[in-house]
Amino acid sequence: MAVFAIYRYAVKPGRMADFMAKLGQANSPKFNSRVMPVSVRTLRNKVPGPETGHLTLMIEYDDMAAYGLRMAYEHSNREWQKLFEPTPDSAETLLSVEILEELLV
């Protein structure tokens, strides 16, 4: 069953373009691994306006095993770790992570 990793970020005012550029780097072929997500969606809250400063990244995997393999790759890749390492000048702050499993009814 599908597994969704939901990452919620607070983005500093005026830094959305910086964070989107970082996500673009993360999507480059140099970070391809044996197991890749089925889909990746980047969403923002439209209320109260387009610059609310919050962004949700929703990543879908085939199953928990695929998610686990991708996480193992990310945790072992120093360049990936550096890209998302929180620093005082980071454009974003990770607020929460949820791992959701699809239920079939």
C-alpha atoms as a PDB file:
ATOM      1  CA  MET A   1       0.000   0.000   0.000  1.00  0.00           C
ATOM      2  CA  ALA A   2       1.126   3.533  -0.746  1.00  0.00           C
ATOM      3  CA  VAL A   3       3.020   5.483   1.901  1.00  0.00           C
ATOM      4  CA  PHE A   4       3.071   9.276   2.020  1.00  0.00           C
ATOM      5  CA  ALA A   5       5.780  11.297   3.738  1.00  0.00           C
ATOM      6  CA  ILE A   6       4.393  14.735   4.595  1.00  0.00           C
ATOM      7  CA  TYR A   7       6.940  17.429   5.456  1.00  0.00           C
ATOM      8  CA  ARG A   8       5.683  20.800   6.710  1.00  0.00           C
ATOM      9  CA  TYR A   9       8.013  23.795   6.578  1.00  0.00           C
ATOM     10  CA  ALA A  10       7.932  27.397   7.736  1.00  0.00           C
ATOM     11  CA  VAL A  11       9.676  29.549   5.149  1.00  0.00           C
ATOM     12  CA  LYS A  12      11.176  32.873   6.170  1.00  0.00           C
ATOM     13  CA  PRO A  13       9.571  35.971   4.641  1.00  0.00           C
ATOM     14  CA  GLY A  14      11.021  36.697   1.212  1.00  0.00           C
ATOM     15  CA  ARG A  15      12.890  33.350   1.077  1.00  0.00           C
ATOM     16  CA  MET A  16      10.382  31.147  -0.795  1.00  0.00           C
ATOM     17  CA  ALA A  17      12.441  31.348  -4.020  1.00  0.00           C
ATOM     18  CA  ASP A  18      15.537  30.211  -2.091  1.00  0.00           C
ATOM     19  CA  PHE A  19      13.730  27.207  -0.653  1.00  0.00           C
ATOM     20  CA  MET A  20      12.211  26.297  -4.022  1.00  0.00           C
ATOM     21  CA  ALA A  21      15.729  26.420  -5.519  1.00  0.00           C
ATOM     22  CA  LYS A  22      16.892  24.017  -2.784  1.00  0.00           C
ATOM     23  CA  LEU A  23      14.045  21.637  -3.651  1.00  0.00           C
ATOM     24  CA  GLY A  24      15.085  21.908  -7.302  1.00  0.00           C
ATOM     25  CA  GLN A  25      18.609  20.835  -6.343  1.00  0.00           C
ATOM     26  CA  ALA A  26      17.170  17.900  -4.388  1.00  0.00           C
ATOM     27  CA  ASN A  27      15.336  16.832  -7.544  1.00  0.00           C
ATOM     28  CA  SER A  28      18.508  16.736  -9.648  1.00  0.00           C
ATOM     29  CA  PRO A  29      19.695  13.392 -11.086  1.00  0.00           C
ATOM     30  CA  LYS A  30      22.763  13.405  -8.805  1.00  0.00           C
ATOM     31  CA  PHE A  31      20.428  12.460  -5.946  1.00  0.00           C
ATOM     32  CA  ASN A  32      18.746   9.570  -7.754  1.00  0.00           C
ATOM     33  CA  SER A  33      18.815   6.331  -5.814  1.00  0.00           C
ATOM     34  CA  ARG A  34      17.798   2.750  -6.501  1.00  0.00           C
ATOM     35  CA  VAL A  35      14.351   3.504  -5.051  1.00  0.00           C
ATOM     36  CA  MET A  36      12.670   6.795  -5.922  1.00  0.00           C
ATOM     37  CA  PRO A  37       9.331   8.322  -4.947  1.00  0.00           C
ATOM     38  CA  VAL A  38       6.277   7.613  -7.090  1.00  0.00           C
ATOM     39  CA  SER A  39       5.313  11.294  -6.922  1.00  0.00           C
ATOM     40  CA  VAL A  40       6.317  14.519  -5.203  1.00  0.00           C
ATOM     41  CA  ARG A  41       3.961  17.433  -4.679  1.00  0.00           C
ATOM     42  CA  THR A  42       4.793  20.840  -3.270  1.00  0.00           C
ATOM     43  CA  LEU A  43       1.804  22.653  -1.784  1.00  0.00           C
ATOM     44  CA  ARG A  44       1.208  25.964  -0.059  1.00  0.00           C
ATOM     45  CA  ASN A  45      -1.729  27.250   1.904  1.00  0.00           C
ATOM     46  CA  LYS A  46      -3.737  29.768  -0.135  1.00  0.00           C
ATOM     47  CA  VAL A  47      -5.397  31.320   2.926  1.00  0.00           C
ATOM     48  CA  PRO A  48      -4.829  34.064   4.040  1.00  0.00           C
ATOM     49  CA  GLY A  49      -2.652  34.700   0.950  1.00  0.00           C
ATOM     50  CA  PRO A  50       0.114  33.331  -1.288  1.00  0.00           C
ATOM     51  CA  GLU A  51       2.956  34.422   1.002  1.00  0.00           C
ATOM     52  CA  THR A  52       1.814  32.745   4.209  1.00  0.00           C
ATOM     53  CA  GLY A  53       5.280  31.286   4.695  1.00  0.00           C
ATOM     54  CA  HIS A  54       4.226  27.664   5.061  1.00  0.00           C
ATOM     55  CA  LEU A  55       4.892  24.929   2.556  1.00  0.00           C
ATOM     56  CA  THR A  56       3.951  21.238   2.533  1.00  0.00           C
ATOM     57  CA  LEU A  57       5.970  18.654   0.656  1.00  0.00           C
ATOM     58  CA  MET A  58       4.030  15.425   0.000  1.00  0.00           C
ATOM     59  CA  ILE A  59       6.133  12.500  -1.221  1.00  0.00           C
ATOM     60  CA  GLU A  60       4.524   9.207  -2.241  1.00  0.00           C
ATOM     61  CA  TYR A  61       6.276   5.828  -2.138  1.00  0.00           C
ATOM     62  CA  ASP A  62       5.026   2.425  -3.276  1.00  0.00           C
ATOM     63  CA  ASP A  63       5.198   1.027   0.255  1.00  0.00           C
ATOM     64  CA  MET A  64       7.012   1.263   3.578  1.00  0.00           C
ATOM     65  CA  ALA A  65       9.952  -0.764   2.256  1.00  0.00           C
ATOM     66  CA  ALA A  66      10.500   1.760  -0.562  1.00  0.00           C
ATOM     67  CA  TYR A  67      10.284   4.634   1.918  1.00  0.00           C
ATOM     68  CA  GLY A  68      12.822   2.894   4.173  1.00  0.00           C
ATOM     69  CA  LEU A  69      15.281   2.350   1.324  1.00  0.00           C
ATOM     70  CA  ARG A  70      15.043   5.986   0.256  1.00  0.00           C
ATOM     71  CA  MET A  71      15.558   7.175   3.841  1.00  0.00           C
ATOM     72  CA  ALA A  72      18.624   4.935   4.149  1.00  0.00           C
ATOM     73  CA  TYR A  73      20.031   6.551   0.994  1.00  0.00           C
ATOM     74  CA  GLU A  74      19.335  10.097   2.227  1.00  0.00           C
ATOM     75  CA  HIS A  75      20.815   9.440   5.677  1.00  0.00           C
ATOM     76  CA  SER A  76      23.994   7.968   4.169  1.00  0.00           C
ATOM     77  CA  ASN A  77      24.530  10.679   1.514  1.00  0.00           C
ATOM     78  CA  ARG A  78      26.662  13.499   2.945  1.00  0.00           C
ATOM     79  CA  GLU A  79      25.811  15.888   0.107  1.00  0.00           C
ATOM     80  CA  TRP A  80      22.058  15.336   0.696  1.00  0.00           C
ATOM     81  CA  GLN A  81      22.540  15.868   4.427  1.00  0.00           C
ATOM     82  CA  LYS A  82      24.410  19.111   3.814  1.00  0.00           C
ATOM     83  CA  LEU A  83      21.681  20.368   1.475  1.00  0.00           C
ATOM     84  CA  PHE A  84      18.998  20.015   4.165  1.00  0.00           C
ATOM     85  CA  GLU A  85      21.130  20.717   7.222  1.00  0.00           C
ATOM     86  CA  PRO A  86      19.462  23.410   9.329  1.00  0.00           C
ATOM     87  CA  THR A  87      21.629  26.503   9.630  1.00  0.00           C
ATOM     88  CA  PRO A  88      20.932  29.992  11.016  1.00  0.00           C
ATOM     89  CA  ASP A  89      20.610  31.332   7.467  1.00  0.00           C
ATOM     90  CA  SER A  90      18.390  28.508   6.134  1.00  0.00           C
ATOM     91  CA  ALA A  91      15.373  29.734   4.200  1.00  0.00           C
ATOM     92  CA  GLU A  92      13.184  27.142   5.924  1.00  0.00           C
ATOM     93  CA  THR A  93      12.518  25.443   9.228  1.00  0.00           C
ATOM     94  CA  LEU A  94      11.118  21.920   9.287  1.00  0.00           C
ATOM     95  CA  LEU A  95       8.000  21.983  11.473  1.00  0.00           C
ATOM     96  CA  SER A  96       6.773  18.397  11.280  1.00  0.00           C
ATOM     97  CA  VAL A  97       6.967  15.076   9.478  1.00  0.00           C
ATOM     98  CA  GLU A  98       4.134  12.575   9.089  1.00  0.00           C
ATOM     99  CA  ILE A  99       4.345   9.127   7.557  1.00  0.00           C
ATOM    100  CA  LEU A 100       0.888   8.063   6.376  1.00  0.00           C
ATOM    101  CA  GLU A 101      -0.130   4.696   4.986  1.00  0.00           C
ATOM    102  CA  GLU A 102      -3.001   4.452   2.532  1.00  0.00           C
ATOM    103  CA  LEU A 103      -5.968   2.335   3.624  1.00  0.00           C
ATOM    104  CA  LEU A 104      -8.014   0.515   1.053  1.00  0.00           C
ATOM    105  CA  VAL A 105     -11.759   0.396   1.732  1.00  0.00           C
END
